[in-house]
Protein backbone atom coordinates (compact mmCIF):
# COMPACT_ATOMS: atom_id res chain seq x y z
CA MET A 1 53.45 162.47 86.15
CA ASP A 2 54.93 160.01 88.61
CA ILE A 3 52.73 159.05 91.61
CA ASN A 4 53.49 157.25 94.81
CA LEU A 5 50.75 154.73 95.29
CA THR A 6 50.94 154.50 99.08
CA ASN A 7 48.71 152.23 101.12
CA ARG A 8 46.91 155.25 102.46
CA LEU A 9 46.15 156.71 99.04
CA LEU A 10 44.80 153.37 97.75
CA GLU A 11 42.66 152.98 100.83
CA GLN A 12 41.22 156.48 100.40
CA PHE A 13 40.42 155.73 96.75
CA LEU A 14 38.73 152.48 97.69
CA VAL A 15 36.64 154.03 100.36
CA VAL A 16 35.37 156.79 98.02
CA ALA A 17 34.63 154.03 95.39
CA GLU A 18 32.67 152.06 97.91
CA GLU A 19 30.80 155.04 99.41
CA LYS A 20 30.34 156.92 96.02
CA HIS A 21 30.35 160.09 98.08
CA PHE A 22 33.23 162.21 99.31
CA GLY A 23 31.53 163.37 102.42
CA ARG A 24 30.69 159.86 103.68
CA ALA A 25 34.10 158.57 102.69
CA ALA A 26 35.80 161.39 104.62
CA GLU A 27 33.84 160.68 107.65
CA ARG A 28 34.60 156.83 107.48
CA LEU A 29 38.33 157.72 106.99
CA SER A 30 38.14 160.09 109.99
CA MET A 31 39.31 163.21 107.94
CA SER A 32 37.80 166.25 106.46
CA GLN A 33 36.53 166.23 102.92
CA PRO A 34 38.84 168.88 101.25
CA PRO A 35 42.14 166.92 101.85
CA LEU A 36 40.39 163.72 100.68
CA SER A 37 39.21 165.47 97.41
CA GLN A 38 42.75 166.80 96.89
CA SER A 39 44.29 163.25 97.32
CA ILE A 40 41.94 161.80 94.73
CA GLN A 41 42.68 164.69 92.37
CA ARG A 42 46.38 164.07 92.65
CA LEU A 43 45.83 160.42 92.05
CA GLU A 44 43.80 161.19 88.92
CA ARG A 45 46.55 163.60 87.64
CA GLY A 46 49.26 161.04 88.36
CA LEU A 47 47.34 158.31 86.55
CA GLY A 48 46.28 160.62 83.76
CA VAL A 49 42.72 159.37 83.90
CA ARG A 50 39.43 160.38 85.45
CA LEU A 51 38.37 157.91 88.26
CA PHE A 52 35.07 159.45 89.27
CA ASP A 53 32.20 161.30 87.71
CA ARG A 54 31.37 164.00 90.33
CA GLY A 55 27.88 165.40 90.62
CA PRO A 56 25.48 166.73 93.26
CA GLY A 57 24.52 163.22 94.20
CA GLY A 58 28.07 162.02 94.81
CA ALA A 59 30.95 160.46 92.94
CA THR A 60 30.38 157.50 90.70
CA PRO A 61 33.40 155.46 89.56
CA THR A 62 34.16 155.72 85.90
CA PRO A 63 34.87 152.49 83.98
CA ALA A 64 38.54 153.19 84.53
CA GLY A 65 37.84 153.83 88.22
CA GLU A 66 35.94 150.48 88.56
CA THR A 67 38.95 148.69 86.96
CA PHE A 68 41.49 150.44 89.11
CA ALA A 69 39.44 149.69 92.29
CA VAL A 70 39.74 145.85 91.58
CA ASP A 71 43.53 146.25 90.99
CA ALA A 72 43.95 148.53 94.04
CA ARG A 73 42.26 145.93 96.23
CA ARG A 74 44.50 143.22 94.90
CA LEU A 75 47.62 145.37 95.48
CA LEU A 76 46.59 145.96 99.12
CA ASP A 77 45.70 142.34 99.67
CA ALA A 78 48.95 141.19 98.17
CA GLN A 79 51.00 143.50 100.28
CA ALA A 80 49.10 142.49 103.49
CA ALA A 81 49.71 138.80 102.56
CA ALA A 82 53.50 139.54 101.94
CA VAL A 83 53.80 141.26 105.32
CA GLU A 84 52.03 138.47 107.07
CA ARG A 85 54.11 135.76 105.20
CA VAL A 86 57.50 137.36 106.03
CA ARG A 87 56.47 137.72 109.71
CA ARG A 88 55.51 134.07 109.82
CA VAL A 89 58.76 133.00 108.13
CA ALA A 90 60.66 135.21 110.64
CA GLY A 91 58.67 133.59 113.45
CA GLY A 92 59.46 130.08 112.30
CA LEU A 93 55.83 129.36 111.29
CA GLU A 94 56.52 129.04 107.58
CA GLY A 95 59.36 128.02 105.34
CA SER A 96 61.49 124.93 104.87
CA VAL A 97 63.69 122.90 107.22
CA ARG A 98 66.15 120.39 105.69
CA VAL A 99 66.56 117.45 108.05
CA GLY A 100 69.20 114.83 107.69
CA TYR A 101 69.13 111.45 109.46
CA VAL A 102 70.83 107.99 109.45
CA SER A 103 68.80 105.17 108.07
CA ILE A 104 68.75 103.41 111.45
CA LEU A 105 66.57 106.15 112.86
CA SER A 106 64.10 106.60 109.95
CA HIS A 107 61.35 104.26 111.05
CA HIS A 108 61.13 105.22 114.70
CA TYR A 109 61.64 108.94 114.87
CA MET A 110 61.01 110.52 111.45
CA PRO A 111 57.26 109.62 111.08
CA GLY A 112 56.52 111.15 114.63
CA LEU A 113 58.52 114.29 113.62
CA LEU A 114 56.70 114.68 110.38
CA ARG A 115 53.32 114.19 111.95
CA ALA A 116 53.87 116.56 114.84
CA ALA A 117 55.16 119.22 112.35
CA ALA A 118 52.10 118.87 110.10
CA GLU A 119 49.75 119.08 113.14
CA GLU A 120 51.37 122.11 114.87
CA LEU A 121 53.36 123.84 112.21
CA PRO A 122 51.42 123.25 108.98
CA GLY A 123 53.14 126.16 107.11
CA LEU A 124 56.50 124.40 107.65
CA ARG A 125 57.97 122.13 104.94
CA VAL A 126 60.24 119.32 106.24
CA GLN A 127 62.57 118.04 103.61
CA LEU A 128 64.40 114.83 104.43
CA HIS A 129 67.88 113.63 103.47
CA GLN A 130 69.35 110.22 104.51
CA ALA A 131 73.17 109.80 104.86
CA SER A 132 75.73 108.45 107.28
CA SER A 133 76.28 109.97 110.74
CA ALA A 134 79.50 111.65 109.59
CA ALA A 135 77.92 113.01 106.28
CA VAL A 136 74.83 114.32 108.24
CA ALA A 137 77.03 116.13 110.73
CA GLU A 138 79.14 117.64 108.02
CA MET A 139 76.23 118.78 105.88
CA THR A 140 74.72 120.36 108.92
CA ARG A 141 77.93 122.11 109.69
CA SER A 142 78.28 123.44 106.17
CA GLY A 143 74.71 124.71 105.97
CA ALA A 144 73.48 122.10 103.48
CA LEU A 145 71.18 120.85 106.17
CA ASP A 146 69.34 122.68 108.99
CA LEU A 147 69.00 119.77 111.42
CA GLY A 148 70.74 116.41 111.81
CA PHE A 149 69.75 113.27 113.69
CA LEU A 150 72.48 110.93 114.70
CA ARG A 151 72.90 107.78 116.67
CA ASP A 152 76.55 108.47 117.06
CA PRO A 153 77.60 111.84 118.59
CA SER A 154 81.25 111.40 117.89
CA PRO A 155 81.27 113.02 114.42
CA VAL A 156 79.82 116.22 115.83
CA SER A 157 82.20 119.11 115.34
CA ALA A 158 82.79 122.00 117.71
CA GLY A 159 80.78 124.22 115.33
CA LEU A 160 77.53 122.43 116.02
CA VAL A 161 75.19 122.55 118.86
CA SER A 162 74.11 119.01 120.02
CA ARG A 163 71.43 117.87 122.30
CA GLU A 164 70.23 114.51 123.33
CA PHE A 165 66.56 113.57 122.75
CA ALA A 166 66.49 109.83 123.12
CA VAL A 167 68.41 106.88 124.45
CA GLU A 168 68.35 103.53 122.47
CA ARG A 169 69.21 100.22 124.02
CA LEU A 170 70.67 97.24 122.13
CA ALA A 171 68.82 93.94 122.05
CA ALA A 172 69.71 90.44 120.64
CA ALA A 173 68.28 89.90 117.09
CA LEU A 174 67.79 86.14 116.76
CA PRO A 175 66.30 83.80 114.01
CA LEU A 176 62.75 82.79 115.02
CA ASP A 177 63.77 79.14 115.37
CA HIS A 178 66.70 80.07 117.67
CA PRO A 179 66.43 78.25 121.08
CA LEU A 180 66.61 81.55 122.84
CA ALA A 181 64.13 83.40 120.60
CA ARG A 182 61.27 83.09 123.00
CA ALA A 183 63.11 84.07 126.17
CA ASP A 184 61.97 87.01 128.24
CA GLY A 185 65.62 88.11 128.34
CA ILE A 186 69.12 86.86 128.06
CA ALA A 187 72.69 87.92 128.87
CA LEU A 188 74.91 88.94 126.02
CA ALA A 189 77.37 86.25 127.01
CA ASP A 190 74.71 83.64 126.13
CA LEU A 191 75.60 84.40 122.45
CA ARG A 192 79.39 83.84 122.82
CA ASP A 193 79.35 80.70 120.69
CA GLU A 194 77.12 81.99 117.96
CA GLU A 195 78.14 83.31 114.57
CA PHE A 196 77.21 87.06 114.16
CA VAL A 197 76.38 89.41 111.26
CA LEU A 198 78.14 92.58 112.20
CA PRO A 199 77.66 96.16 111.09
CA ASP A 200 80.26 97.31 108.57
CA ARG A 201 82.75 99.63 110.30
CA ARG A 202 82.79 102.10 107.40
CA ALA A 203 79.08 102.31 106.74
CA LEU A 204 77.86 101.93 110.34
CA PRO A 205 80.81 102.89 112.44
CA ALA A 206 79.08 103.81 115.74
CA LEU A 207 76.88 100.67 115.75
CA ALA A 208 79.87 98.52 114.80
CA GLU A 209 82.01 99.80 117.68
CA GLN A 210 79.21 99.57 120.13
CA VAL A 211 78.58 95.86 119.37
CA GLN A 212 82.33 95.06 119.59
CA LEU A 213 82.72 96.85 122.89
CA ALA A 214 79.60 95.38 124.44
CA CYS A 215 80.70 91.88 123.47
CA ARG A 216 84.14 92.35 124.83
CA GLU A 217 82.75 93.61 128.06
CA ALA A 218 80.63 90.54 128.19
CA GLY A 219 83.74 88.41 127.96
CA PHE A 220 84.05 87.41 124.30
CA THR A 221 84.84 88.69 120.79
CA PRO A 222 81.95 88.03 118.37
CA SER A 223 82.62 85.44 115.63
CA SER A 224 81.89 87.16 112.37
CA ARG A 225 80.14 85.11 109.75
CA ALA A 226 79.26 88.19 107.66
CA GLU A 227 79.08 91.96 107.60
CA ALA A 228 76.41 94.24 106.28
CA ASP A 229 76.54 97.97 105.37
CA ASP A 230 72.90 98.72 106.07
CA ILE A 231 70.04 97.60 108.34
CA THR A 232 68.33 95.59 105.71
CA GLY A 233 71.48 93.46 105.13
CA LEU A 234 71.64 92.81 108.87
CA PHE A 235 67.99 91.78 109.00
CA GLY A 236 68.49 89.49 106.00
CA TYR A 237 71.36 87.49 107.48
CA VAL A 238 69.52 87.07 110.84
CA ALA A 239 66.16 86.12 109.19
CA SER A 240 67.96 83.49 107.12
CA GLY A 241 68.82 81.63 110.24
CA LEU A 242 72.51 81.67 109.48
CA CYS A 243 73.55 83.94 112.37
CA VAL A 244 72.62 86.35 115.13
CA SER A 245 73.21 90.04 115.68
CA VAL A 246 72.92 92.85 118.28
CA LEU A 247 70.75 95.75 117.11
CA PRO A 248 68.85 98.79 118.52
CA GLU A 249 65.70 97.51 120.11
CA HIS A 250 63.48 99.96 118.25
CA LEU A 251 64.25 97.96 115.00
CA ARG A 252 61.78 95.35 116.24
CA ASP A 253 59.21 97.66 114.72
CA PHE A 254 60.40 96.86 111.24
CA PRO A 255 57.96 94.37 109.61
CA ILE A 256 60.66 91.72 108.88
CA PRO A 257 59.51 88.08 109.33
CA GLY A 258 61.78 85.56 110.75
CA ILE A 259 63.40 87.73 113.45
CA ALA A 260 62.93 87.80 117.18
CA PHE A 261 64.19 90.68 119.29
CA VAL A 262 65.07 89.55 122.85
CA PRO A 263 66.05 92.04 125.64
CA LEU A 264 69.57 91.93 127.03
CA ARG A 265 69.69 91.78 130.83
CA ASP A 266 73.23 93.19 131.02
CA THR A 267 73.55 96.33 132.92
CA SER A 268 76.48 97.70 130.92
CA PRO A 269 76.14 101.27 129.65
CA ARG A 270 77.75 99.95 126.41
CA LEU A 271 74.33 98.71 125.45
CA ASP A 272 72.81 102.26 125.65
CA THR A 273 73.23 104.84 122.86
CA SER A 274 72.32 108.49 122.84
CA VAL A 275 70.29 109.67 119.79
CA VAL A 276 71.23 113.37 119.31
CA VAL A 277 70.00 116.21 117.19
CA VAL A 278 72.64 118.77 115.88
CA HIS A 279 72.24 122.18 114.38
CA ARG A 280 74.33 125.31 113.77
CA PRO A 281 74.53 127.92 116.62
CA GLU A 282 72.84 130.49 114.31
CA ALA A 283 69.78 128.25 113.65
CA ASP A 284 66.83 130.26 112.23
CA ALA A 285 63.38 130.59 113.84
CA ALA A 286 61.89 127.56 111.93
CA VAL A 287 64.58 125.26 113.15
CA LEU A 288 64.15 126.50 116.78
CA ARG A 289 60.35 126.01 116.38
CA LEU A 290 60.88 122.37 115.27
CA LEU A 291 63.38 121.75 118.11
CA GLU A 292 60.85 123.17 120.65
CA LEU A 293 58.17 120.88 119.22
CA LEU A 294 60.53 117.88 119.24
CA ALA A 295 61.53 118.53 122.89
CA ARG A 296 57.84 118.80 123.97
CA ARG A 297 56.67 115.68 122.18
CA THR A 298 59.66 113.73 123.46
CA ALA A 299 58.83 114.75 127.01
CA GLU A 300 55.21 113.65 126.46
């Protein structure tokens, strides 16, 4: 005989097994004894086994009944855990969020994001993926990533929601033995006669364009001694003493010896860059939770 092992039926069985008495079990379940006895009898017929030895003193679980009580409790606990988990996932408290970022942002923003998520959303797993701005934007649009952090908002398509969460300013990156390395601040034009290591236009398009435009606004075109397609290459050339560069000021936190970051006194908006986070319009609850957390931590 087939039997529907509903939560109610399992709970009734477990209460009888715990109380070892149908009358006390019925009272605990806020029901009369005859319907409870009938439910347990249907359960026994459906299982094809006797679960209780009934007598004047009560109902003692048989060996089969004792075994079934253990499994019934596991079934109820597993179901309760499944319900709680799906509710937490739907509420953005559990699950995975795939986050893309460009390398230039990794040291300053990602550690804080990971720490905040671990503290406030411990059931959320944050998976990181590094790529170019254009690649991060496209992967977010296609659904391969849930969130993307970009220095350059230009690759953002109309199919993505974009919001600014930080503004970075450029600073002069100079060799430590450079005459201006210990200055409190300089004008960008003070570097007009220097040789520069410049960001590669294909690998770091936003930074490359920003440096060129800022220098032109300061009245000169930077003389290029070399180009580098990542931050470590730019650092390497500056630390070698062969040239200077203009880089986001937060990169001063990199533990690279031989480089001094000097603030630029220019008031040009060309020296400021928005850092944005992008996501699809139909972002799920976990993404929205992470964005809310990010906005609050940024405001603090």
